[in-house]
């Protein structure tokens, strides 16, 4: 009986806490539209170019595994050769971002 009462009280608490919290937030005077940036080119997308440091950071954040992906390269191998490939990989990535094309490299 006590457990059932506790469950009922818990359910009531969690079903009401959202509204109670929302009611404590002061009402704004502006419409949400006033916070939106007016962009004459709303259908465009801009990607910031990357750097060798960012490429190295991303390689280091990968989980080390000996298994390979569809490209036949393991993350363990990438981490071993990261300093040798980071500059060239950065150029390839930035060219892809600037030109909108992915260059297919053959080994």
Protein backbone atom coordinates (compact mmCIF):
# COMPACT_ATOMS: atom_id res chain seq x y z
CA UNK A 1 0.00 0.00 0.00
CA UNK A 2 2.78 2.45 0.91
CA UNK A 3 4.68 1.52 -2.26
CA UNK A 4 1.57 2.15 -4.38
CA UNK A 5 0.99 5.50 -2.68
CA UNK A 6 4.64 6.44 -3.28
CA UNK A 7 4.30 5.49 -6.97
CA UNK A 8 1.17 7.62 -7.31
CA UNK A 9 2.88 10.60 -5.66
CA UNK A 10 5.96 10.13 -7.90
CA UNK A 11 3.85 9.99 -11.06
CA UNK A 12 1.93 13.11 -10.04
CA UNK A 13 5.20 14.93 -9.30
CA UNK A 14 6.72 14.09 -12.68
CA UNK A 15 3.54 14.91 -14.59
CA UNK A 16 3.27 18.36 -13.00
CA UNK A 17 6.91 19.46 -12.68
CA UNK A 18 7.16 20.59 -16.32
CA UNK A 19 4.19 22.94 -16.14
CA UNK A 20 5.27 24.25 -12.74
CA UNK A 21 8.77 24.99 -14.03
CA UNK A 22 7.42 26.61 -17.20
CA UNK A 23 5.09 28.82 -15.17
CA UNK A 24 8.10 30.22 -13.27
CA UNK A 25 9.74 31.50 -16.47
CA UNK A 26 8.90 35.17 -17.01
CA UNK A 27 6.80 35.89 -20.07
CA UNK A 28 8.71 37.64 -22.85
CA UNK A 29 7.48 40.74 -24.60
CA UNK A 30 8.96 39.86 -28.00
CA UNK A 31 7.69 37.45 -30.60
CA UNK A 32 10.00 34.56 -31.44
CA UNK A 33 10.21 36.01 -34.96
CA UNK A 34 12.09 39.03 -33.60
CA UNK A 35 14.94 36.73 -32.57
CA UNK A 36 15.29 35.16 -35.99
CA UNK A 37 17.99 36.54 -38.23
CA UNK A 38 16.71 37.87 -41.51
CA UNK A 39 18.78 36.20 -44.18
CA UNK A 40 18.25 37.16 -47.81
CA UNK A 41 19.99 33.95 -48.85
CA UNK A 42 18.15 31.50 -46.61
CA UNK A 43 18.74 28.54 -48.92
CA UNK A 44 22.53 28.76 -48.71
CA UNK A 45 24.90 26.79 -46.52
CA UNK A 46 28.34 27.92 -45.48
CA UNK A 47 30.93 25.50 -44.14
CA UNK A 48 34.07 26.77 -42.46
CA UNK A 49 37.31 25.36 -43.82
CA UNK A 50 39.22 23.00 -41.57
CA UNK A 51 42.80 23.07 -40.33
CA UNK A 52 45.48 20.42 -39.83
CA UNK A 53 45.03 20.82 -36.08
CA UNK A 54 41.32 20.06 -36.37
CA UNK A 55 42.02 17.02 -38.54
CA UNK A 56 44.55 15.75 -35.96
CA UNK A 57 42.06 16.36 -33.16
CA UNK A 58 39.37 14.37 -34.98
CA UNK A 59 41.75 11.49 -35.75
CA UNK A 60 42.78 11.36 -32.09
CA UNK A 61 39.14 11.33 -30.97
CA UNK A 62 38.43 8.15 -33.00
CA UNK A 63 38.15 4.90 -31.09
CA UNK A 64 41.26 2.83 -31.82
CA UNK A 65 40.32 -0.32 -33.69
CA UNK A 66 42.27 -2.70 -35.86
CA UNK A 67 39.23 -3.55 -37.98
CA UNK A 68 38.90 -1.60 -41.20
CA UNK A 69 36.06 0.22 -42.87
CA UNK A 70 35.08 -0.01 -46.55
CA UNK A 71 38.27 1.88 -47.40
CA UNK A 72 40.50 -0.79 -45.85
CA UNK A 73 42.06 1.67 -43.36
CA UNK A 74 41.83 1.05 -39.62
CA UNK A 75 41.66 3.84 -37.06
CA UNK A 76 44.78 2.36 -35.45
CA UNK A 77 46.66 2.88 -38.72
CA UNK A 78 45.26 6.40 -39.08
CA UNK A 79 46.58 7.28 -35.63
CA UNK A 80 50.02 5.89 -36.50
CA UNK A 81 50.31 7.94 -39.69
CA UNK A 82 48.31 11.01 -38.64
CA UNK A 83 51.21 13.47 -38.83
CA UNK A 84 52.21 12.26 -42.29
CA UNK A 85 48.69 12.62 -43.73
CA UNK A 86 47.09 15.50 -41.82
CA UNK A 87 48.30 18.31 -44.11
CA UNK A 88 47.34 16.54 -47.35
CA UNK A 89 44.03 15.37 -45.86
CA UNK A 90 43.26 18.96 -44.83
CA UNK A 91 43.88 20.15 -48.41
CA UNK A 92 41.59 17.43 -49.79
CA UNK A 93 38.82 18.25 -47.29
CA UNK A 94 39.05 22.00 -47.89
CA UNK A 95 39.02 21.53 -51.67
CA UNK A 96 35.89 19.41 -51.31
CA UNK A 97 34.22 22.11 -49.20
CA UNK A 98 35.20 24.90 -51.59
CA UNK A 99 34.31 23.08 -54.81
CA UNK A 100 31.43 20.95 -53.63
CA UNK A 101 33.06 17.86 -55.06
CA UNK A 102 34.62 14.81 -53.49
CA UNK A 103 37.75 13.66 -55.25
CA UNK A 104 37.97 9.90 -55.68
CA UNK A 105 41.51 8.73 -55.05
CA UNK A 106 42.75 5.41 -56.36
CA UNK A 107 45.51 3.62 -54.52
